[in-house]
């Protein structure tokens, strides 16, 4: 219904607090009148510090529980690839980020716990596919959420932080697997069932603080005053960013997907993901093939992941990824 067709007495009614909390920003909020904006670098840095304290601990911690299992890997990867984009589409148009990301985390935690009860291959395949569906949208959702809060030239480092903790998850996963391996047979359950149960419980519990504490949009942040909310939105206007529900045109899609910068990004991402995925799923198998027992093999997967967690941070790597991802690569002067 158009705003012009709404009676005056309806416009003046207050929207219930719960509705304000659960729904995405309204069209009115999206199309606020443009204001003259004077960028303040010190104020922006101060806002970033506040955001880092509220966003990054939650996003990094929840990635620590997303440990993969080398079972029906191919089907899991298919689900992961197919459902990434639809998940972000749902989060952009229908469900606020904190609720959607918490739901995904809760869902794959429950499915992981359910995997502890599998008795046949068909059940393993089905549950693993569903875990892929639930987990697929989590990292893309984190990246999209970062674009809602941070300017274009300050996103790469925050994403690198999340990736670093995702790598560190491999170290924690190996440590947990080593410890649980000694509990094989406890309560009448094999060690791998306890592994699914414990890591699934950690994931489910992590969904609660994500739902309650993750900030959704600057306009809804209760910890920002009105002036800070306007500043947080205005500083994102340069080169895109912030929250909107606009649909891209076909021309914009073609220009984006076919741009040289994006093609370089695709190549770099594939070059990174293929070895990382292989390393994630098959490291215990490789170490076992070197002659170590299964429990020892899990422990020996920890050092590589611990070292890999620092890989996003060397100055050169960070500079290259930042300039490519943010489009700020210096061009030669003519």
C-alpha atoms as a PDB file:
ATOM      1  CA  UNK A   1       0.000   0.000   0.000  1.00  0.00           C
ATOM      2  CA  UNK A   2       1.298   3.450  -0.911  1.00  0.00           C
ATOM      3  CA  UNK A   3       2.096   5.817   1.923  1.00  0.00           C
ATOM      4  CA  UNK A   4      -0.215   8.410   0.301  1.00  0.00           C
ATOM      5  CA  UNK A   5      -3.153   6.025   0.642  1.00  0.00           C
ATOM      6  CA  UNK A   6      -2.690   5.406   4.370  1.00  0.00           C
ATOM      7  CA  UNK A   7      -5.052   7.427   6.581  1.00  0.00           C
ATOM      8  CA  UNK A   8      -3.515   9.983   8.926  1.00  0.00           C
ATOM      9  CA  UNK A   9      -4.608   8.145  12.050  1.00  0.00           C
ATOM     10  CA  UNK A  10      -2.870   4.967  10.863  1.00  0.00           C
ATOM     11  CA  UNK A  11       0.408   6.769  10.166  1.00  0.00           C
ATOM     12  CA  UNK A  12       0.519   8.147  13.670  1.00  0.00           C
ATOM     13  CA  UNK A  13       0.182   4.761  15.328  1.00  0.00           C
ATOM     14  CA  UNK A  14       3.343   3.413  16.893  1.00  0.00           C
ATOM     15  CA  UNK A  15       4.717   0.180  15.483  1.00  0.00           C
ATOM     16  CA  UNK A  16       5.091  -2.492  18.184  1.00  0.00           C
ATOM     17  CA  UNK A  17       8.641  -2.863  19.450  1.00  0.00           C
ATOM     18  CA  UNK A  18       8.816  -6.546  18.542  1.00  0.00           C
ATOM     19  CA  UNK A  19       7.851  -5.830  14.949  1.00  0.00           C
ATOM     20  CA  UNK A  20      10.503  -3.158  14.721  1.00  0.00           C
ATOM     21  CA  UNK A  21      13.096  -5.605  15.980  1.00  0.00           C
ATOM     22  CA  UNK A  22      12.227  -8.560  13.741  1.00  0.00           C
ATOM     23  CA  UNK A  23      11.550  -6.887  10.376  1.00  0.00           C
ATOM     24  CA  UNK A  24      14.146  -5.441   7.996  1.00  0.00           C
ATOM     25  CA  UNK A  25      14.294  -1.664   7.594  1.00  0.00           C
ATOM     26  CA  UNK A  26      11.258  -0.224   5.856  1.00  0.00           C
ATOM     27  CA  UNK A  27      11.239   1.435   2.458  1.00  0.00           C
ATOM     28  CA  UNK A  28      11.011   4.794   4.183  1.00  0.00           C
ATOM     29  CA  UNK A  29      14.233   4.095   6.050  1.00  0.00           C
ATOM     30  CA  UNK A  30      15.947   2.962   2.855  1.00  0.00           C
ATOM     31  CA  UNK A  31      15.035   6.107   0.937  1.00  0.00           C
ATOM     32  CA  UNK A  32      15.958   8.742   3.449  1.00  0.00           C
ATOM     33  CA  UNK A  33      16.580  12.161   1.962  1.00  0.00           C
ATOM     34  CA  UNK A  34      20.228  12.575   0.990  1.00  0.00           C
ATOM     35  CA  UNK A  35      22.207  14.728   3.358  1.00  0.00           C
ATOM     36  CA  UNK A  36      25.411  16.622   2.782  1.00  0.00           C
ATOM     37  CA  UNK A  37      28.096  14.450   4.320  1.00  0.00           C
ATOM     38  CA  UNK A  38      31.486  15.507   5.612  1.00  0.00           C
ATOM     39  CA  UNK A  39      33.697  12.494   6.264  1.00  0.00           C
ATOM     40  CA  UNK A  40      35.493  12.520   9.633  1.00  0.00           C
ATOM     41  CA  UNK A  41      38.361  10.002   9.648  1.00  0.00           C
ATOM     42  CA  UNK A  42      38.809  10.025  13.435  1.00  0.00           C
ATOM     43  CA  UNK A  43      35.115   9.540  14.039  1.00  0.00           C
ATOM     44  CA  UNK A  44      35.022   6.738  11.468  1.00  0.00           C
ATOM     45  CA  UNK A  45      37.958   4.991  13.170  1.00  0.00           C
ATOM     46  CA  UNK A  46      36.222   5.299  16.542  1.00  0.00           C
ATOM     47  CA  UNK A  47      33.036   3.815  15.075  1.00  0.00           C
ATOM     48  CA  UNK A  48      35.053   0.953  13.552  1.00  0.00           C
ATOM     49  CA  UNK A  49      36.507   0.125  16.971  1.00  0.00           C
ATOM     50  CA  UNK A  50      33.007  -0.058  18.431  1.00  0.00           C
ATOM     51  CA  UNK A  51      31.864  -2.242  15.553  1.00  0.00           C
ATOM     52  CA  UNK A  52      34.888  -4.526  15.881  1.00  0.00           C
ATOM     53  CA  UNK A  53      34.075  -5.125  19.549  1.00  0.00           C
ATOM     54  CA  UNK A  54      30.481  -6.066  18.768  1.00  0.00           C
ATOM     55  CA  UNK A  55      30.696  -7.818  15.396  1.00  0.00           C
ATOM     56  CA  UNK A  56      34.039  -9.598  15.078  1.00  0.00           C
ATOM     57  CA  UNK A  57      34.029 -11.645  18.320  1.00  0.00           C
ATOM     58  CA  UNK A  58      30.658 -13.146  17.408  1.00  0.00           C
ATOM     59  CA  UNK A  59      31.486 -13.753  13.752  1.00  0.00           C
ATOM     60  CA  UNK A  60      34.920 -15.225  14.488  1.00  0.00           C
ATOM     61  CA  UNK A  61      33.712 -17.454  17.351  1.00  0.00           C
ATOM     62  CA  UNK A  62      30.844 -18.938  15.362  1.00  0.00           C
ATOM     63  CA  UNK A  63      33.262 -19.849  12.572  1.00  0.00           C
ATOM     64  CA  UNK A  64      35.343 -21.783  15.110  1.00  0.00           C
ATOM     65  CA  UNK A  65      32.581 -24.384  15.292  1.00  0.00           C
ATOM     66  CA  UNK A  66      32.200 -24.902  11.534  1.00  0.00           C
ATOM     67  CA  UNK A  67      34.500 -27.927  11.324  1.00  0.00           C
ATOM     68  CA  UNK A  68      34.031 -30.155   8.277  1.00  0.00           C
ATOM     69  CA  UNK A  69      33.945 -33.949   8.309  1.00  0.00           C
ATOM     70  CA  UNK A  70      35.486 -36.072   5.602  1.00  0.00           C
ATOM     71  CA  UNK A  71      32.243 -37.929   4.892  1.00  0.00           C
ATOM     72  CA  UNK A  72      30.304 -37.606   1.617  1.00  0.00           C
ATOM     73  CA  UNK A  73      32.419 -34.552   0.834  1.00  0.00           C
ATOM     74  CA  UNK A  74      31.286 -34.132  -2.738  1.00  0.00           C
ATOM     75  CA  UNK A  75      27.577 -33.973  -1.925  1.00  0.00           C
ATOM     76  CA  UNK A  76      28.236 -31.548   0.906  1.00  0.00           C
ATOM     77  CA  UNK A  77      30.171 -29.305  -1.487  1.00  0.00           C
ATOM     78  CA  UNK A  78      27.366 -29.391  -4.065  1.00  0.00           C
ATOM     79  CA  UNK A  79      24.852 -28.237  -1.460  1.00  0.00           C
ATOM     80  CA  UNK A  80      27.305 -25.600  -0.288  1.00  0.00           C
ATOM     81  CA  UNK A  81      27.717 -24.178  -3.806  1.00  0.00           C
ATOM     82  CA  UNK A  82      24.023 -24.242  -4.754  1.00  0.00           C
ATOM     83  CA  UNK A  83      22.579 -22.609  -1.639  1.00  0.00           C
ATOM     84  CA  UNK A  84      25.063 -19.781  -0.960  1.00  0.00           C
ATOM     85  CA  UNK A  85      23.355 -17.194  -3.161  1.00  0.00           C
ATOM     86  CA  UNK A  86      19.737 -18.064  -2.216  1.00  0.00           C
ATOM     87  CA  UNK A  87      20.668 -17.792   1.454  1.00  0.00           C
ATOM     88  CA  UNK A  88      21.953 -14.244   1.069  1.00  0.00           C
ATOM     89  CA  UNK A  89      18.878 -13.378  -0.991  1.00  0.00           C
ATOM     90  CA  UNK A  90      16.635 -14.488   1.873  1.00  0.00           C
ATOM     91  CA  UNK A  91      18.691 -12.500   4.389  1.00  0.00           C
ATOM     92  CA  UNK A  92      18.626  -9.378   2.224  1.00  0.00           C
ATOM     93  CA  UNK A  93      14.889  -9.357   1.507  1.00  0.00           C
ATOM     94  CA  UNK A  94      13.080 -11.214   4.279  1.00  0.00           C
ATOM     95  CA  UNK A  95      14.992 -11.959   7.498  1.00  0.00           C
ATOM     96  CA  UNK A  96      17.277  -9.736   9.569  1.00  0.00           C
ATOM     97  CA  UNK A  97      20.917 -10.920   9.713  1.00  0.00           C
ATOM     98  CA  UNK A  98      21.096 -11.841  13.399  1.00  0.00           C
ATOM     99  CA  UNK A  99      18.021 -14.067  13.155  1.00  0.00           C
ATOM    100  CA  UNK A 100      18.976 -15.696   9.842  1.00  0.00           C
ATOM    101  CA  UNK A 101      22.606 -16.397  10.732  1.00  0.00           C
ATOM    102  CA  UNK A 102      21.568 -17.738  14.139  1.00  0.00           C
ATOM    103  CA  UNK A 103      18.998 -19.987  12.459  1.00  0.00           C
ATOM    104  CA  UNK A 104      21.623 -21.374  10.053  1.00  0.00           C
ATOM    105  CA  UNK A 105      24.028 -21.983  12.930  1.00  0.00           C
ATOM    106  CA  UNK A 106      21.332 -23.659  15.031  1.00  0.00           C
ATOM    107  CA  UNK A 107      20.160 -25.808  12.101  1.00  0.00           C
ATOM    108  CA  UNK A 108      23.549 -27.234  11.202  1.00  0.00           C
ATOM    109  CA  UNK A 109      24.303 -27.775  14.891  1.00  0.00           C
ATOM    110  CA  UNK A 110      21.152 -29.854  15.279  1.00  0.00           C
ATOM    111  CA  UNK A 111      21.907 -31.782  12.095  1.00  0.00           C
ATOM    112  CA  UNK A 112      25.444 -32.444  13.337  1.00  0.00           C
ATOM    113  CA  UNK A 113      24.081 -33.844  16.591  1.00  0.00           C
ATOM    114  CA  UNK A 114      21.655 -35.975  14.578  1.00  0.00           C
ATOM    115  CA  UNK A 115      24.576 -37.423  12.622  1.00  0.00           C
ATOM    116  CA  UNK A 116      25.680 -39.131  15.834  1.00  0.00           C
ATOM    117  CA  UNK A 117      22.729 -41.491  15.482  1.00  0.00           C
ATOM    118  CA  UNK A 118      23.289 -42.620  11.887  1.00  0.00           C
ATOM    119  CA  UNK A 119      23.094 -46.333  11.190  1.00  0.00           C
ATOM    120  CA  UNK A 120      23.403 -46.501   7.399  1.00  0.00           C
ATOM    121  CA  UNK A 121      25.028 -44.756   4.474  1.00  0.00           C
ATOM    122  CA  UNK A 122      21.794 -43.228   3.136  1.00  0.00           C
ATOM    123  CA  UNK A 123      21.231 -41.381   6.401  1.00  0.00           C
ATOM    124  CA  UNK A 124      24.809 -40.100   6.419  1.00  0.00           C
ATOM    125  CA  UNK A 125      24.452 -38.770   2.869  1.00  0.00           C
ATOM    126  CA  UNK A 126      21.095 -37.104   3.590  1.00  0.00           C
ATOM    127  CA  UNK A 127      22.239 -35.408   6.788  1.00  0.00           C
ATOM    128  CA  UNK A 128      25.517 -34.315   5.249  1.00  0.00           C
ATOM    129  CA  UNK A 129      23.659 -32.703   2.355  1.00  0.00           C
ATOM    130  CA  UNK A 130      21.369 -30.847   4.774  1.00  0.00           C
ATOM    131  CA  UNK A 131      24.385 -29.674   6.785  1.00  0.00           C
ATOM    132  CA  UNK A 132      25.777 -28.268   3.548  1.00  0.00           C
ATOM    133  CA  UNK A 133      22.496 -26.450   2.883  1.00  0.00           C
ATOM    134  CA  UNK A 134      22.499 -24.885   6.351  1.00  0.00           C
ATOM    135  CA  UNK A 135      26.189 -24.036   6.439  1.00  0.00           C
ATOM    136  CA  UNK A 136      26.325 -22.702   2.869  1.00  0.00           C
ATOM    137  CA  UNK A 137      24.881 -19.297   3.653  1.00  0.00           C
ATOM    138  CA  UNK A 138      26.830 -18.573   6.807  1.00  0.00           C
ATOM    139  CA  UNK A 139      30.135 -17.212   5.483  1.00  0.00           C
ATOM    140  CA  UNK A 140      28.513 -15.317   2.563  1.00  0.00           C
ATOM    141  CA  UNK A 141      26.075 -13.884   5.107  1.00  0.00           C
ATOM    142  CA  UNK A 142      28.971 -12.684   7.253  1.00  0.00           C
ATOM    143  CA  UNK A 143      30.563 -10.978   4.241  1.00  0.00           C
ATOM    144  CA  UNK A 144      27.262  -9.299   3.360  1.00  0.00           C
ATOM    145  CA  UNK A 145      26.782  -8.160   6.956  1.00  0.00           C
ATOM    146  CA  UNK A 146      30.248  -6.583   6.929  1.00  0.00           C
ATOM    147  CA  UNK A 147      29.255  -4.556   3.842  1.00  0.00           C
ATOM    148  CA  UNK A 148      26.273  -3.214   5.797  1.00  0.00           C
ATOM    149  CA  UNK A 149      28.554  -1.766   8.472  1.00  0.00           C
ATOM    150  CA  UNK A 150      32.031  -1.051   7.056  1.00  0.00           C
ATOM    151  CA  UNK A 151      33.191   1.235   4.220  1.00  0.00           C
ATOM    152  CA  UNK A 152      34.571  -0.435   1.082  1.00  0.00           C
ATOM    153  CA  UNK A 153      38.241   0.108   1.979  1.00  0.00           C
ATOM    154  CA  UNK A 154      37.912  -1.316   5.510  1.00  0.00           C
ATOM    155  CA  UNK A 155      36.195  -4.622   4.816  1.00  0.00           C
ATOM    156  CA  UNK A 156      39.043  -6.852   3.665  1.00  0.00           C
ATOM    157  CA  UNK A 157      40.831  -6.872   7.021  1.00  0.00           C
ATOM    158  CA  UNK A 158      37.604  -7.764   8.891  1.00  0.00           C
ATOM    159  CA  UNK A 159      36.898 -10.596   6.483  1.00  0.00           C
ATOM    160  CA  UNK A 160      40.500 -11.762   6.919  1.00  0.00           C
ATOM    161  CA  UNK A 161      39.899 -11.903  10.679  1.00  0.00           C
ATOM    162  CA  UNK A 162      36.924 -14.221  10.157  1.00  0.00           C
ATOM    163  CA  UNK A 163      38.910 -16.393   7.720  1.00  0.00           C
ATOM    164  CA  UNK A 164      41.791 -16.625  10.200  1.00  0.00           C
ATOM    165  CA  UNK A 165      39.494 -17.931  12.928  1.00  0.00           C
ATOM    166  CA  UNK A 166      37.890 -20.300  10.443  1.00  0.00           C
ATOM    167  CA  UNK A 167      41.346 -21.781   9.870  1.00  0.00           C
ATOM    168  CA  UNK A 168      41.915 -21.889  13.608  1.00  0.00           C
ATOM    169  CA  UNK A 169      38.751 -23.987  13.795  1.00  0.00           C
ATOM    170  CA  UNK A 170      40.698 -26.779  12.154  1.00  0.00           C
ATOM    171  CA  UNK A 171      43.173 -26.749  15.041  1.00  0.00           C
ATOM    172  CA  UNK A 172      40.385 -26.835  17.618  1.00  0.00           C
ATOM    173  CA  UNK A 173      38.595 -29.562  15.676  1.00  0.00           C
ATOM    174  CA  UNK A 174      41.701 -31.727  15.659  1.00  0.00           C
ATOM    175  CA  UNK A 175      42.263 -31.143  19.379  1.00  0.00           C
ATOM    176  CA  UNK A 176      38.677 -32.041  20.230  1.00  0.00           C
ATOM    177  CA  UNK A 177      38.815 -35.119  17.999  1.00  0.00           C
ATOM    178  CA  UNK A 178      42.039 -36.252  19.725  1.00  0.00           C
ATOM    179  CA  UNK A 179      40.489 -35.880  23.174  1.00  0.00           C
ATOM    180  CA  UNK A 180      37.240 -37.583  22.239  1.00  0.00           C
ATOM    181  CA  UNK A 181      39.147 -40.408  20.589  1.00  0.00           C
ATOM    182  CA  UNK A 182      40.155 -41.556  24.078  1.00  0.00           C
ATOM    183  CA  UNK A 183      36.462 -41.712  25.066  1.00  0.00           C
ATOM    184  CA  UNK A 184      35.707 -44.332  22.457  1.00  0.00           C
ATOM    185  CA  UNK A 185      33.121 -46.722  23.889  1.00  0.00           C
ATOM    186  CA  UNK A 186      32.009 -44.409  26.719  1.00  0.00           C
ATOM    187  CA  UNK A 187      28.266 -44.694  27.260  1.00  0.00           C
ATOM    188  CA  UNK A 188      28.138 -47.391  24.639  1.00  0.00           C
ATOM    189  CA  UNK A 189      28.951 -44.921  21.833  1.00  0.00           C
ATOM    190  CA  UNK A 190      31.846 -44.902  19.420  1.00  0.00           C
ATOM    191  CA  UNK A 191      34.235 -41.964  19.539  1.00  0.00           C
ATOM    192  CA  UNK A 192      33.038 -40.468  16.238  1.00  0.00           C
ATOM    193  CA  UNK A 193      29.470 -40.269  17.611  1.00  0.00           C
ATOM    194  CA  UNK A 194      30.679 -38.336  20.650  1.00  0.00           C
ATOM    195  CA  UNK A 195      32.559 -36.024  18.293  1.00  0.00           C
ATOM    196  CA  UNK A 196      29.383 -35.155  16.407  1.00  0.00           C
ATOM    197  CA  UNK A 197      27.439 -34.698  19.641  1.00  0.00           C
ATOM    198  CA  UNK A 198      29.945 -32.399  21.346  1.00  0.00           C
ATOM    199  CA  UNK A 199      30.725 -30.238  18.330  1.00  0.00           C
ATOM    200  CA  UNK A 200      27.013 -30.058  17.478  1.00  0.00           C
ATOM    201  CA  UNK A 201      26.190 -28.881  21.003  1.00  0.00           C
ATOM    202  CA  UNK A 202      28.888 -26.192  20.817  1.00  0.00           C
ATOM    203  CA  UNK A 203      27.387 -24.980  17.539  1.00  0.00           C
ATOM    204  CA  UNK A 204      23.816 -24.909  18.871  1.00  0.00           C
ATOM    205  CA  UNK A 205      24.853 -22.981  21.991  1.00  0.00           C
ATOM    206  CA  UNK A 206      26.780 -20.481  19.851  1.00  0.00           C
ATOM    207  CA  UNK A 207      23.571 -19.602  17.999  1.00  0.00           C
ATOM    208  CA  UNK A 208      22.068 -18.013  21.125  1.00  0.00           C
ATOM    209  CA  UNK A 209      24.525 -15.099  21.617  1.00  0.00           C
ATOM    210  CA  UNK A 210      24.573 -14.600  17.841  1.00  0.00           C
ATOM    211  CA  UNK A 211      20.789 -14.126  17.816  1.00  0.00           C
ATOM    212  CA  UNK A 212      20.705 -11.912  20.901  1.00  0.00           C
ATOM    213  CA  UNK A 213      23.818  -9.769  20.413  1.00  0.00           C
ATOM    214  CA  UNK A 214      24.635  -9.432  16.696  1.00  0.00           C
ATOM    215  CA  UNK A 215      23.729  -5.927  15.431  1.00  0.00           C
ATOM    216  CA  UNK A 216      21.648  -5.952  12.248  1.00  0.00           C
ATOM    217  CA  UNK A 217      21.588  -2.486  10.678  1.00  0.00           C
ATOM    218  CA  UNK A 218      22.911   0.945  11.717  1.00  0.00           C
ATOM    219  CA  UNK A 219      19.358   2.309  11.809  1.00  0.00           C
ATOM    220  CA  UNK A 220      18.409  -0.327  14.422  1.00  0.00           C
ATOM    221  CA  UNK A 221      21.517  -0.201  16.612  1.00  0.00           C
ATOM    222  CA  UNK A 222      20.411   0.754  20.109  1.00  0.00           C
ATOM    223  CA  UNK A 223      24.010   1.369  21.159  1.00  0.00           C
ATOM    224  CA  UNK A 224      24.334   4.231  18.640  1.00  0.00           C
ATOM    225  CA  UNK A 225      22.684   7.610  19.044  1.00  0.00           C
ATOM    226  CA  UNK A 226      20.795   9.174  16.145  1.00  0.00           C
ATOM    227  CA  UNK A 227      23.775  11.223  14.998  1.00  0.00           C
ATOM    228  CA  UNK A 228      26.051   8.165  14.981  1.00  0.00           C
ATOM    229  CA  UNK A 229      23.431   6.173  13.046  1.00  0.00           C
ATOM    230  CA  UNK A 230      23.313   8.828  10.337  1.00  0.00           C
ATOM    231  CA  UNK A 231      27.116   8.947  10.213  1.00  0.00           C
ATOM    232  CA  UNK A 232      27.339   5.143   9.957  1.00  0.00           C
ATOM    233  CA  UNK A 233      24.930   5.166   6.994  1.00  0.00           C
ATOM    234  CA  UNK A 234      26.356   8.213   5.228  1.00  0.00           C
ATOM    235  CA  UNK A 235      29.947   6.975   5.196  1.00  0.00           C
ATOM    236  CA  UNK A 236      28.863   3.874   3.252  1.00  0.00           C
ATOM    237  CA  UNK A 237      27.422   5.766   0.277  1.00  0.00           C
ATOM    238  CA  UNK A 238      30.738   6.093  -1.499  1.00  0.00           C
ATOM    239  CA  UNK A 239      31.094   3.147  -3.921  1.00  0.00           C
ATOM    240  CA  UNK A 240      28.086   1.328  -2.517  1.00  0.00           C
ATOM    241  CA  UNK A 241      27.465  -0.470   0.745  1.00  0.00           C
ATOM    242  CA  UNK A 242      24.905  -0.310   3.482  1.00  0.00           C
ATOM    243  CA  UNK A 243      21.505  -1.958   3.532  1.00  0.00           C
ATOM    244  CA  UNK A 244      19.072  -1.801   0.620  1.00  0.00           C
ATOM    245  CA  UNK A 245      16.647  -4.130  -1.125  1.00  0.00           C
ATOM    246  CA  UNK A 246      17.208  -2.840  -4.646  1.00  0.00           C
ATOM    247  CA  UNK A 247      17.370  -5.414  -7.439  1.00  0.00           C
ATOM    248  CA  UNK A 248      20.338  -5.340  -9.802  1.00  0.00           C
ATOM    249  CA  UNK A 249      19.579  -4.930 -13.490  1.00  0.00           C
ATOM    250  CA  UNK A 250      20.739  -7.455 -16.074  1.00  0.00           C
ATOM    251  CA  UNK A 251      23.293  -4.944 -17.354  1.00  0.00           C
ATOM    252  CA  UNK A 252      24.702  -4.443 -13.847  1.00  0.00           C
ATOM    253  CA  UNK A 253      24.959  -8.210 -13.347  1.00  0.00           C
ATOM    254  CA  UNK A 254      26.836  -8.722 -16.624  1.00  0.00           C
ATOM    255  CA  UNK A 255      29.190  -5.807 -15.930  1.00  0.00           C
ATOM    256  CA  UNK A 256      29.902  -7.100 -12.427  1.00  0.00           C
ATOM    257  CA  UNK A 257      30.416 -10.767 -13.269  1.00  0.00           C
ATOM    258  CA  UNK A 258      32.553  -9.976 -16.324  1.00  0.00           C
ATOM    259  CA  UNK A 259      34.727  -7.216 -14.931  1.00  0.00           C
ATOM    260  CA  UNK A 260      38.493  -7.921 -14.971  1.00  0.00           C
ATOM    261  CA  UNK A 261      38.722  -7.329 -11.219  1.00  0.00           C
ATOM    262  CA  UNK A 262      36.023  -9.941 -10.530  1.00  0.00           C
ATOM    263  CA  UNK A 263      37.603 -12.427 -12.946  1.00  0.00           C
ATOM    264  CA  UNK A 264      40.886 -12.050 -11.069  1.00  0.00           C
ATOM    265  CA  UNK A 265      38.994 -12.545  -7.810  1.00  0.00           C
ATOM    266  CA  UNK A 266      37.358 -15.748  -9.114  1.00  0.00           C
ATOM    267  CA  UNK A 267      40.756 -17.147 -10.086  1.00  0.00           C
ATOM    268  CA  UNK A 268      42.327 -16.234  -6.741  1.00  0.00           C
ATOM    269  CA  UNK A 269      39.392 -17.686  -4.806  1.00  0.00           C
ATOM    270  CA  UNK A 270      39.403 -21.001  -6.682  1.00  0.00           C
ATOM    271  CA  UNK A 271      43.171 -21.245  -6.245  1.00  0.00           C
ATOM    272  CA  UNK A 272      42.671 -20.796  -2.504  1.00  0.00           C
ATOM    273  CA  UNK A 273      39.555 -22.907  -1.922  1.00  0.00           C
ATOM    274  CA  UNK A 274      40.581 -26.057  -3.815  1.00  0.00           C
ATOM    275  CA  UNK A 275      43.708 -26.787  -1.728  1.00  0.00           C
ATOM    276  CA  UNK A 276      42.052 -25.521   1.452  1.00  0.00           C
ATOM    277  CA  UNK A 277      39.045 -27.790   0.932  1.00  0.00           C
ATOM    278  CA  UNK A 278      41.277 -30.773   0.257  1.00  0.00           C
ATOM    279  CA  UNK A 279      43.311 -29.954   3.327  1.00  0.00           C
ATOM    280  CA  UNK A 280      40.164 -29.591   5.447  1.00  0.00           C
ATOM    281  CA  UNK A 281      38.629 -32.912   4.563  1.00  0.00           C
ATOM    282  CA  UNK A 282      41.598 -35.196   3.950  1.00  0.00           C
ATOM    283  CA  UNK A 283      44.382 -34.140   6.328  1.00  0.00           C
ATOM    284  CA  UNK A 284      43.545 -36.863   8.911  1.00  0.00           C
ATOM    285  CA  UNK A 285      43.505 -39.449   6.102  1.00  0.00           C
ATOM    286  CA  UNK A 286      46.859 -38.251   4.762  1.00  0.00           C
ATOM    287  CA  UNK A 287      48.457 -38.308   8.210  1.00  0.00           C
ATOM    288  CA  UNK A 288      47.034 -41.781   8.854  1.00  0.00           C
ATOM    289  CA  UNK A 289      48.597 -42.897   5.565  1.00  0.00           C
ATOM    290  CA  UNK A 290      51.976 -41.841   6.944  1.00  0.00           C
ATOM    291  CA  UNK A 291      51.697 -44.599   9.541  1.00  0.00           C
ATOM    292  CA  UNK A 292      50.094 -42.819  12.495  1.00  0.00           C
ATOM    293  CA  UNK A 293      47.076 -44.220  14.293  1.00  0.00           C
ATOM    294  CA  UNK A 294      43.734 -42.451  13.888  1.00  0.00           C
ATOM    295  CA  UNK A 295      43.811 -40.698  17.278  1.00  0.00           C
ATOM    296  CA  UNK A 296      47.400 -39.538  16.788  1.00  0.00           C
ATOM    297  CA  UNK A 297      46.528 -38.435  13.246  1.00  0.00           C
ATOM    298  CA  UNK A 298      43.846 -36.091  14.603  1.00  0.00           C
ATOM    299  CA  UNK A 299      46.351 -34.471  16.964  1.00  0.00           C
ATOM    300  CA  UNK A 300      48.903 -34.012  14.178  1.00  0.00           C
ATOM    301  CA  UNK A 301      46.373 -31.989  12.150  1.00  0.00           C
ATOM    302  CA  UNK A 302      46.517 -29.200  14.757  1.00  0.00           C
ATOM    303  CA  UNK A 303      49.904 -27.552  13.922  1.00  0.00           C
ATOM    304  CA  UNK A 304      49.181 -26.925  10.224  1.00  0.00           C
ATOM    305  CA  UNK A 305      45.840 -25.289  11.013  1.00  0.00           C
ATOM    306  CA  UNK A 306      47.345 -23.205  13.815  1.00  0.00           C
ATOM    307  CA  UNK A 307      49.976 -21.872  11.418  1.00  0.00           C
ATOM    308  CA  UNK A 308      47.395 -21.364   8.661  1.00  0.00           C
ATOM    309  CA  UNK A 309      45.300 -19.175  10.962  1.00  0.00           C
ATOM    310  CA  UNK A 310      47.953 -16.465  10.589  1.00  0.00           C
ATOM    311  CA  UNK A 311      48.057 -16.645   6.798  1.00  0.00           C
ATOM    312  CA  UNK A 312      45.643 -13.741   6.181  1.00  0.00           C
ATOM    313  CA  UNK A 313      47.788 -11.302   8.122  1.00  0.00           C
ATOM    314  CA  UNK A 314      51.219 -10.868   6.503  1.00  0.00           C
ATOM    315  CA  UNK A 315      51.481  -7.308   5.279  1.00  0.00           C
ATOM    316  CA  UNK A 316      51.967  -8.178   1.623  1.00  0.00           C
ATOM    317  CA  UNK A 317      49.115 -10.680   1.486  1.00  0.00           C
ATOM    318  CA  UNK A 318      46.802  -8.342   3.321  1.00  0.00           C
ATOM    319  CA  UNK A 319      47.662  -5.435   1.031  1.00  0.00           C
ATOM    320  CA  UNK A 320      47.116  -7.464  -2.133  1.00  0.00           C
ATOM    321  CA  UNK A 321      43.811  -8.952  -0.982  1.00  0.00           C
ATOM    322  CA  UNK A 322      42.616  -5.577   0.295  1.00  0.00           C
ATOM    323  CA  UNK A 323      43.353  -3.771  -2.936  1.00  0.00           C
ATOM    324  CA  UNK A 324      41.823  -6.491  -5.097  1.00  0.00           C
ATOM    325  CA  UNK A 325      38.715  -6.939  -2.951  1.00  0.00           C
ATOM    326  CA  UNK A 326      38.111  -3.238  -2.404  1.00  0.00           C
ATOM    327  CA  UNK A 327      39.076  -2.064  -5.863  1.00  0.00           C
ATOM    328  CA  UNK A 328      41.649   0.411  -4.531  1.00  0.00           C
ATOM    329  CA  UNK A 329      44.628  -0.935  -6.506  1.00  0.00           C
ATOM    330  CA  UNK A 330      46.725   2.091  -7.505  1.00  0.00           C
ATOM    331  CA  UNK A 331      46.638   2.831 -11.212  1.00  0.00           C
ATOM    332  CA  UNK A 332      49.604   4.212 -13.162  1.00  0.00           C
ATOM    333  CA  UNK A 333      49.584   7.961 -13.620  1.00  0.00           C
ATOM    334  CA  UNK A 334      49.171   9.240 -17.160  1.00  0.00           C
END
